[in-house]
């Protein structure tokens, strides 16, 4: 299960974006070569913008459904990307790391970000399952 593995990685030193990608690698969803790509997406791409867990989830969606994708032309990457963002915003209002973590530092921020990693990986897994199952 992506969510459980991602949370475990996040609690043990991986960044939010790396934890999503590494859990997907473990599940055979994407190749190990994607992990280094995720490193720069944590902390809102070091600028506070897009949440790294959201960015990593979009990387996986692009890998599966983007140009020359694994699942052919029956599923469009942008539709999956929009579905992901819509659900993440339903759960958290925004996708901006700076806003999601406003005023939080240290362990309080880390604990708060556990929810972002959990939500992102849960939504990602749900979107992937809808393709694989039907």
N, C-alpha and C. Protein backbone atom coordinates (compact mmCIF):
# COMPACT_ATOMS: atom_id res chain seq x y z
N UNK A 1 0.84 -1.18 0.00
CA UNK A 1 0.00 0.00 0.00
C UNK A 1 0.89 1.25 0.00
N UNK A 2 0.67 2.12 -0.95
CA UNK A 2 1.51 3.30 -1.11
C UNK A 2 1.50 4.17 0.15
N UNK A 3 0.33 4.42 0.70
CA UNK A 3 0.19 5.34 1.83
C UNK A 3 1.04 4.93 3.03
N UNK A 4 0.95 3.68 3.42
CA UNK A 4 1.70 3.21 4.59
C UNK A 4 3.20 3.31 4.38
N UNK A 5 3.65 2.90 3.20
CA UNK A 5 5.09 2.96 2.90
C UNK A 5 5.58 4.39 2.82
N UNK A 6 4.79 5.25 2.19
CA UNK A 6 5.19 6.66 2.06
C UNK A 6 5.33 7.31 3.42
N UNK A 7 4.38 7.06 4.29
CA UNK A 7 4.43 7.65 5.63
C UNK A 7 5.64 7.14 6.40
N UNK A 8 5.93 5.86 6.26
CA UNK A 8 7.09 5.28 6.93
C UNK A 8 8.39 5.91 6.42
N UNK A 9 8.51 6.04 5.10
CA UNK A 9 9.70 6.69 4.54
C UNK A 9 9.82 8.13 5.04
N UNK A 10 8.70 8.85 5.05
CA UNK A 10 8.72 10.25 5.48
C UNK A 10 9.16 10.38 6.94
N UNK A 11 8.69 9.49 7.77
CA UNK A 11 9.05 9.53 9.19
C UNK A 11 10.49 9.12 9.43
N UNK A 12 11.12 8.51 8.42
CA UNK A 12 12.48 8.01 8.59
C UNK A 12 13.50 8.69 7.69
N UNK A 13 13.30 9.98 7.41
CA UNK A 13 14.33 10.75 6.76
C UNK A 13 14.14 11.13 5.31
N UNK A 14 13.21 10.49 4.62
CA UNK A 14 12.95 10.88 3.24
C UNK A 14 12.12 12.16 3.26
N UNK A 15 12.27 12.99 2.25
CA UNK A 15 11.43 14.18 2.14
C UNK A 15 10.02 13.75 1.73
N UNK A 16 9.09 14.69 1.76
CA UNK A 16 7.71 14.38 1.37
C UNK A 16 7.65 13.85 -0.07
N UNK A 17 8.34 14.51 -0.97
CA UNK A 17 8.31 14.08 -2.37
C UNK A 17 9.04 12.74 -2.57
N UNK A 18 10.17 12.58 -1.92
CA UNK A 18 10.91 11.32 -2.05
C UNK A 18 10.12 10.15 -1.48
N UNK A 19 9.40 10.38 -0.40
CA UNK A 19 8.66 9.28 0.22
C UNK A 19 7.56 8.76 -0.69
N UNK A 20 6.90 9.66 -1.42
CA UNK A 20 5.86 9.24 -2.37
C UNK A 20 6.49 8.42 -3.49
N UNK A 21 7.54 8.94 -4.07
CA UNK A 21 8.19 8.25 -5.19
C UNK A 21 8.76 6.90 -4.75
N UNK A 22 9.46 6.86 -3.61
CA UNK A 22 10.07 5.61 -3.16
C UNK A 22 9.00 4.55 -2.89
N UNK A 23 7.87 4.94 -2.33
CA UNK A 23 6.81 3.95 -2.08
C UNK A 23 6.25 3.42 -3.40
N UNK A 24 6.18 4.27 -4.41
CA UNK A 24 5.71 3.82 -5.73
C UNK A 24 6.74 2.92 -6.40
N UNK A 25 8.00 3.20 -6.19
CA UNK A 25 9.06 2.32 -6.69
C UNK A 25 8.92 0.95 -6.04
N UNK A 26 8.73 0.94 -4.73
CA UNK A 26 8.58 -0.33 -4.01
C UNK A 26 7.40 -1.15 -4.51
N UNK A 27 6.35 -0.47 -4.93
CA UNK A 27 5.14 -1.15 -5.42
C UNK A 27 5.24 -1.51 -6.90
N UNK A 28 6.35 -1.17 -7.54
CA UNK A 28 6.53 -1.50 -8.96
C UNK A 28 5.76 -0.58 -9.90
N UNK A 29 5.36 0.57 -9.41
CA UNK A 29 4.57 1.51 -10.20
C UNK A 29 5.46 2.36 -11.10
N UNK A 30 6.64 2.70 -10.61
CA UNK A 30 7.56 3.51 -11.40
C UNK A 30 8.99 3.02 -11.15
N UNK A 31 9.92 3.42 -12.03
CA UNK A 31 11.29 2.93 -11.93
C UNK A 31 12.12 3.69 -10.89
N UNK A 32 13.17 3.07 -10.38
CA UNK A 32 14.05 3.70 -9.39
C UNK A 32 14.67 5.01 -9.88
N UNK A 33 14.78 5.17 -11.18
CA UNK A 33 15.39 6.39 -11.73
C UNK A 33 14.59 7.66 -11.41
N UNK A 34 13.34 7.50 -11.00
CA UNK A 34 12.54 8.69 -10.66
C UNK A 34 12.87 9.27 -9.29
N UNK A 35 13.47 8.48 -8.41
CA UNK A 35 13.74 8.98 -7.06
C UNK A 35 14.60 10.24 -7.05
N UNK A 36 15.71 10.31 -7.76
CA UNK A 36 16.49 11.55 -7.73
C UNK A 36 15.70 12.77 -8.22
N UNK A 37 14.76 12.54 -9.12
CA UNK A 37 13.93 13.65 -9.62
C UNK A 37 13.09 14.26 -8.51
N UNK A 38 12.70 13.46 -7.53
CA UNK A 38 11.82 13.92 -6.46
C UNK A 38 12.54 14.79 -5.42
N UNK A 39 13.84 14.66 -5.32
CA UNK A 39 14.58 15.33 -4.26
C UNK A 39 14.36 16.84 -4.25
N UNK A 40 14.34 17.46 -5.39
CA UNK A 40 14.23 18.93 -5.44
C UNK A 40 12.80 19.44 -5.23
N UNK A 41 11.83 18.56 -5.15
CA UNK A 41 10.44 19.00 -5.01
C UNK A 41 9.99 19.18 -3.56
N UNK A 42 10.78 18.76 -2.60
CA UNK A 42 10.37 18.91 -1.20
C UNK A 42 10.45 20.37 -0.78
N UNK A 43 9.70 20.69 0.26
CA UNK A 43 9.70 22.06 0.77
C UNK A 43 9.18 23.05 -0.24
N UNK A 44 8.21 22.62 -1.04
CA UNK A 44 7.66 23.53 -2.04
C UNK A 44 8.69 23.92 -3.07
N UNK A 45 9.49 22.95 -3.50
CA UNK A 45 10.57 23.16 -4.46
C UNK A 45 11.56 24.18 -3.92
N UNK A 46 11.75 24.13 -2.59
CA UNK A 46 12.64 25.03 -1.86
C UNK A 46 12.24 26.50 -1.98
N UNK A 47 11.01 26.73 -2.42
CA UNK A 47 10.52 28.11 -2.52
C UNK A 47 9.22 28.29 -1.74
N UNK A 48 8.66 27.20 -1.27
CA UNK A 48 7.42 27.28 -0.52
C UNK A 48 6.18 27.17 -1.38
N UNK A 49 6.34 26.94 -2.65
CA UNK A 49 5.16 26.87 -3.53
C UNK A 49 4.49 25.51 -3.46
N UNK A 50 4.44 24.78 -4.51
CA UNK A 50 3.70 23.53 -4.57
C UNK A 50 4.21 22.51 -3.56
N UNK A 51 3.30 21.94 -2.77
CA UNK A 51 3.62 20.89 -1.81
C UNK A 51 4.38 19.76 -2.51
N UNK A 52 5.48 19.32 -1.91
CA UNK A 52 6.29 18.26 -2.51
C UNK A 52 5.56 16.95 -2.67
N UNK A 53 4.64 16.63 -1.77
CA UNK A 53 3.86 15.40 -1.89
C UNK A 53 2.94 15.48 -3.10
N UNK A 54 2.43 16.66 -3.37
CA UNK A 54 1.59 16.87 -4.55
C UNK A 54 2.45 16.75 -5.81
N UNK A 55 3.61 17.40 -5.80
CA UNK A 55 4.50 17.37 -6.96
C UNK A 55 4.93 15.94 -7.29
N UNK A 56 5.30 15.18 -6.28
CA UNK A 56 5.72 13.79 -6.51
C UNK A 56 4.58 12.95 -7.06
N UNK A 57 3.40 13.16 -6.56
CA UNK A 57 2.23 12.43 -7.07
C UNK A 57 2.01 12.76 -8.54
N UNK A 58 2.21 14.02 -8.90
CA UNK A 58 2.06 14.42 -10.30
C UNK A 58 3.15 13.79 -11.17
N UNK A 59 4.35 13.63 -10.62
CA UNK A 59 5.43 12.95 -11.36
C UNK A 59 4.99 11.52 -11.68
N UNK A 60 4.44 10.83 -10.69
CA UNK A 60 4.00 9.44 -10.90
C UNK A 60 2.86 9.40 -11.92
N UNK A 61 1.91 10.31 -11.80
CA UNK A 61 0.80 10.34 -12.76
C UNK A 61 1.31 10.60 -14.17
N UNK A 62 2.26 11.51 -14.30
CA UNK A 62 2.85 11.77 -15.61
C UNK A 62 3.58 10.56 -16.15
N UNK A 63 4.30 9.87 -15.27
CA UNK A 63 5.00 8.66 -15.71
C UNK A 63 4.01 7.62 -16.24
N UNK A 64 2.90 7.44 -15.55
CA UNK A 64 1.93 6.43 -15.95
C UNK A 64 1.06 6.84 -17.13
N UNK A 65 0.65 8.10 -17.17
CA UNK A 65 -0.37 8.52 -18.12
C UNK A 65 0.07 9.58 -19.13
N UNK A 66 1.30 10.07 -19.03
CA UNK A 66 1.76 11.13 -19.92
C UNK A 66 2.12 10.63 -21.31
N UNK A 67 2.72 11.50 -22.06
CA UNK A 67 3.12 11.19 -23.45
C UNK A 67 3.92 9.89 -23.48
N UNK A 68 3.62 9.03 -24.42
CA UNK A 68 4.25 7.71 -24.54
C UNK A 68 4.06 6.90 -23.26
N UNK A 69 2.90 7.03 -22.66
CA UNK A 69 2.65 6.47 -21.34
C UNK A 69 2.43 4.97 -21.32
N UNK A 70 2.44 4.45 -20.11
CA UNK A 70 2.30 3.02 -19.85
C UNK A 70 0.91 2.49 -20.21
N UNK A 71 -0.14 3.31 -20.06
CA UNK A 71 -1.51 2.84 -20.24
C UNK A 71 -2.14 3.26 -21.56
N UNK A 72 -1.36 3.70 -22.54
CA UNK A 72 -1.91 4.05 -23.84
C UNK A 72 -2.74 5.32 -23.81
N UNK A 73 -3.56 5.51 -24.81
CA UNK A 73 -4.31 6.75 -24.94
C UNK A 73 -5.67 6.74 -24.26
N UNK A 74 -6.00 5.69 -23.52
CA UNK A 74 -7.32 5.61 -22.91
C UNK A 74 -7.47 6.50 -21.68
N UNK A 75 -6.39 6.93 -21.10
CA UNK A 75 -6.44 7.79 -19.92
C UNK A 75 -5.52 8.98 -20.17
N UNK A 76 -6.01 10.16 -19.89
CA UNK A 76 -5.21 11.35 -20.15
C UNK A 76 -4.58 11.88 -18.87
N UNK A 77 -3.30 12.20 -18.97
CA UNK A 77 -2.54 12.67 -17.81
C UNK A 77 -3.15 13.91 -17.18
N UNK A 78 -3.59 14.84 -17.97
CA UNK A 78 -4.13 16.08 -17.42
C UNK A 78 -5.44 15.85 -16.67
N UNK A 79 -6.22 14.90 -17.12
CA UNK A 79 -7.46 14.58 -16.39
C UNK A 79 -7.12 14.01 -15.02
N UNK A 80 -6.17 13.09 -14.97
CA UNK A 80 -5.74 12.51 -13.70
C UNK A 80 -5.13 13.59 -12.81
N UNK A 81 -4.32 14.47 -13.40
CA UNK A 81 -3.69 15.55 -12.63
C UNK A 81 -4.75 16.46 -12.02
N UNK A 82 -5.76 16.80 -12.80
CA UNK A 82 -6.83 17.67 -12.31
C UNK A 82 -7.64 16.98 -11.21
N UNK A 83 -7.91 15.70 -11.40
CA UNK A 83 -8.63 14.95 -10.37
C UNK A 83 -7.84 14.92 -9.07
N UNK A 84 -6.55 14.73 -9.19
CA UNK A 84 -5.69 14.70 -8.01
C UNK A 84 -5.77 16.04 -7.26
N UNK A 85 -5.55 17.13 -7.98
CA UNK A 85 -5.54 18.46 -7.36
C UNK A 85 -6.90 18.76 -6.73
N UNK A 86 -7.97 18.44 -7.43
CA UNK A 86 -9.31 18.69 -6.90
C UNK A 86 -9.52 17.98 -5.57
N UNK A 87 -9.14 16.72 -5.51
CA UNK A 87 -9.33 15.96 -4.26
C UNK A 87 -8.39 16.45 -3.16
N UNK A 88 -7.16 16.79 -3.51
CA UNK A 88 -6.24 17.31 -2.50
C UNK A 88 -6.76 18.62 -1.92
N UNK A 89 -7.29 19.47 -2.77
CA UNK A 89 -7.85 20.74 -2.30
C UNK A 89 -9.11 20.52 -1.48
N UNK A 90 -9.89 19.51 -1.81
CA UNK A 90 -11.07 19.18 -1.00
C UNK A 90 -10.65 18.84 0.43
N UNK A 91 -9.56 18.12 0.54
CA UNK A 91 -9.07 17.71 1.85
C UNK A 91 -8.28 18.79 2.58
N UNK A 92 -7.58 19.65 1.83
CA UNK A 92 -6.63 20.58 2.46
C UNK A 92 -6.78 22.03 2.02
N UNK A 93 -7.72 22.35 1.20
CA UNK A 93 -8.02 23.71 0.72
C UNK A 93 -7.05 24.24 -0.33
N UNK A 94 -5.76 23.98 -0.18
CA UNK A 94 -4.74 24.52 -1.10
C UNK A 94 -3.67 23.46 -1.38
N UNK A 95 -2.82 23.74 -2.38
CA UNK A 95 -1.69 22.86 -2.68
C UNK A 95 -0.35 23.54 -2.37
N UNK A 96 -0.39 24.76 -1.90
CA UNK A 96 0.81 25.55 -1.63
C UNK A 96 1.43 25.16 -0.28
N UNK A 97 2.66 24.72 -0.31
CA UNK A 97 3.38 24.31 0.89
C UNK A 97 3.43 25.42 1.93
N UNK A 98 3.72 26.62 1.49
CA UNK A 98 3.84 27.77 2.40
C UNK A 98 2.54 27.99 3.18
N UNK A 99 1.42 27.86 2.51
CA UNK A 99 0.12 28.04 3.17
C UNK A 99 -0.23 26.83 4.02
N UNK A 100 0.02 25.65 3.49
CA UNK A 100 -0.28 24.42 4.24
C UNK A 100 0.48 24.37 5.57
N UNK A 101 1.68 24.90 5.58
CA UNK A 101 2.55 24.81 6.77
C UNK A 101 2.73 26.14 7.49
N UNK A 102 1.89 27.09 7.22
CA UNK A 102 2.03 28.44 7.79
C UNK A 102 2.19 28.39 9.31
N UNK A 103 3.27 29.00 9.78
CA UNK A 103 3.52 29.12 11.22
C UNK A 103 4.06 27.88 11.90
N UNK A 104 4.26 26.82 11.16
CA UNK A 104 4.74 25.58 11.76
C UNK A 104 6.24 25.41 11.53
N UNK A 105 6.93 24.93 12.55
CA UNK A 105 8.36 24.67 12.45
C UNK A 105 8.70 23.37 13.16
N UNK A 106 9.85 22.84 12.83
CA UNK A 106 10.37 21.67 13.52
C UNK A 106 9.43 20.47 13.49
N UNK A 107 9.26 19.85 14.66
CA UNK A 107 8.45 18.64 14.76
C UNK A 107 6.97 18.90 14.48
N UNK A 108 6.48 20.09 14.80
CA UNK A 108 5.08 20.42 14.51
C UNK A 108 4.84 20.42 13.00
N UNK A 109 5.79 20.95 12.27
CA UNK A 109 5.67 20.96 10.81
C UNK A 109 5.76 19.54 10.26
N UNK A 110 6.72 18.78 10.76
CA UNK A 110 6.90 17.40 10.30
C UNK A 110 5.62 16.59 10.52
N UNK A 111 5.04 16.74 11.69
CA UNK A 111 3.80 16.01 12.01
C UNK A 111 2.66 16.46 11.09
N UNK A 112 2.58 17.75 10.85
CA UNK A 112 1.54 18.27 9.95
C UNK A 112 1.74 17.73 8.53
N UNK A 113 2.99 17.69 8.09
CA UNK A 113 3.28 17.20 6.75
C UNK A 113 2.99 15.71 6.59
N UNK A 114 2.97 14.98 7.69
CA UNK A 114 2.56 13.56 7.62
C UNK A 114 1.17 13.45 7.01
N UNK A 115 0.29 14.38 7.34
CA UNK A 115 -1.05 14.38 6.77
C UNK A 115 -1.00 14.64 5.26
N UNK A 116 -0.14 15.54 4.82
CA UNK A 116 -0.02 15.84 3.39
C UNK A 116 0.48 14.62 2.62
N UNK A 117 1.48 13.93 3.19
CA UNK A 117 2.01 12.72 2.57
C UNK A 117 0.93 11.64 2.53
N UNK A 118 0.22 11.48 3.62
CA UNK A 118 -0.85 10.48 3.68
C UNK A 118 -1.96 10.80 2.68
N UNK A 119 -2.41 12.04 2.67
CA UNK A 119 -3.47 12.43 1.74
C UNK A 119 -3.03 12.25 0.29
N UNK A 120 -1.85 12.75 -0.04
CA UNK A 120 -1.36 12.67 -1.42
C UNK A 120 -1.23 11.22 -1.87
N UNK A 121 -0.64 10.38 -1.05
CA UNK A 121 -0.44 8.99 -1.44
C UNK A 121 -1.77 8.24 -1.51
N UNK A 122 -2.71 8.58 -0.65
CA UNK A 122 -4.04 7.96 -0.68
C UNK A 122 -4.78 8.33 -1.96
N UNK A 123 -4.74 9.59 -2.33
CA UNK A 123 -5.39 10.05 -3.56
C UNK A 123 -4.72 9.43 -4.77
N UNK A 124 -3.39 9.43 -4.79
CA UNK A 124 -2.63 8.84 -5.89
C UNK A 124 -3.00 7.38 -6.07
N UNK A 125 -3.00 6.64 -4.98
CA UNK A 125 -3.33 5.22 -5.06
C UNK A 125 -4.74 5.02 -5.60
N UNK A 126 -5.67 5.83 -5.17
CA UNK A 126 -7.04 5.74 -5.65
C UNK A 126 -7.12 5.98 -7.16
N UNK A 127 -6.41 6.98 -7.65
CA UNK A 127 -6.42 7.27 -9.08
C UNK A 127 -5.76 6.18 -9.91
N UNK A 128 -4.72 5.60 -9.36
CA UNK A 128 -4.05 4.51 -10.08
C UNK A 128 -4.93 3.27 -10.12
N UNK A 129 -5.57 2.96 -9.01
CA UNK A 129 -6.44 1.77 -8.95
C UNK A 129 -7.58 1.85 -9.95
N UNK A 130 -8.14 3.03 -10.17
CA UNK A 130 -9.25 3.16 -11.12
C UNK A 130 -8.82 2.81 -12.53
N UNK A 131 -7.56 3.01 -12.84
CA UNK A 131 -7.04 2.66 -14.17
C UNK A 131 -6.73 1.17 -14.25
N UNK A 132 -6.04 0.68 -13.25
CA UNK A 132 -5.61 -0.71 -13.26
C UNK A 132 -6.81 -1.65 -13.20
N UNK A 133 -7.83 -1.27 -12.42
CA UNK A 133 -8.99 -2.14 -12.25
C UNK A 133 -10.03 -1.96 -13.34
N UNK A 134 -10.00 -0.88 -14.03
CA UNK A 134 -11.01 -0.74 -15.04
C UNK A 134 -10.88 0.48 -15.83
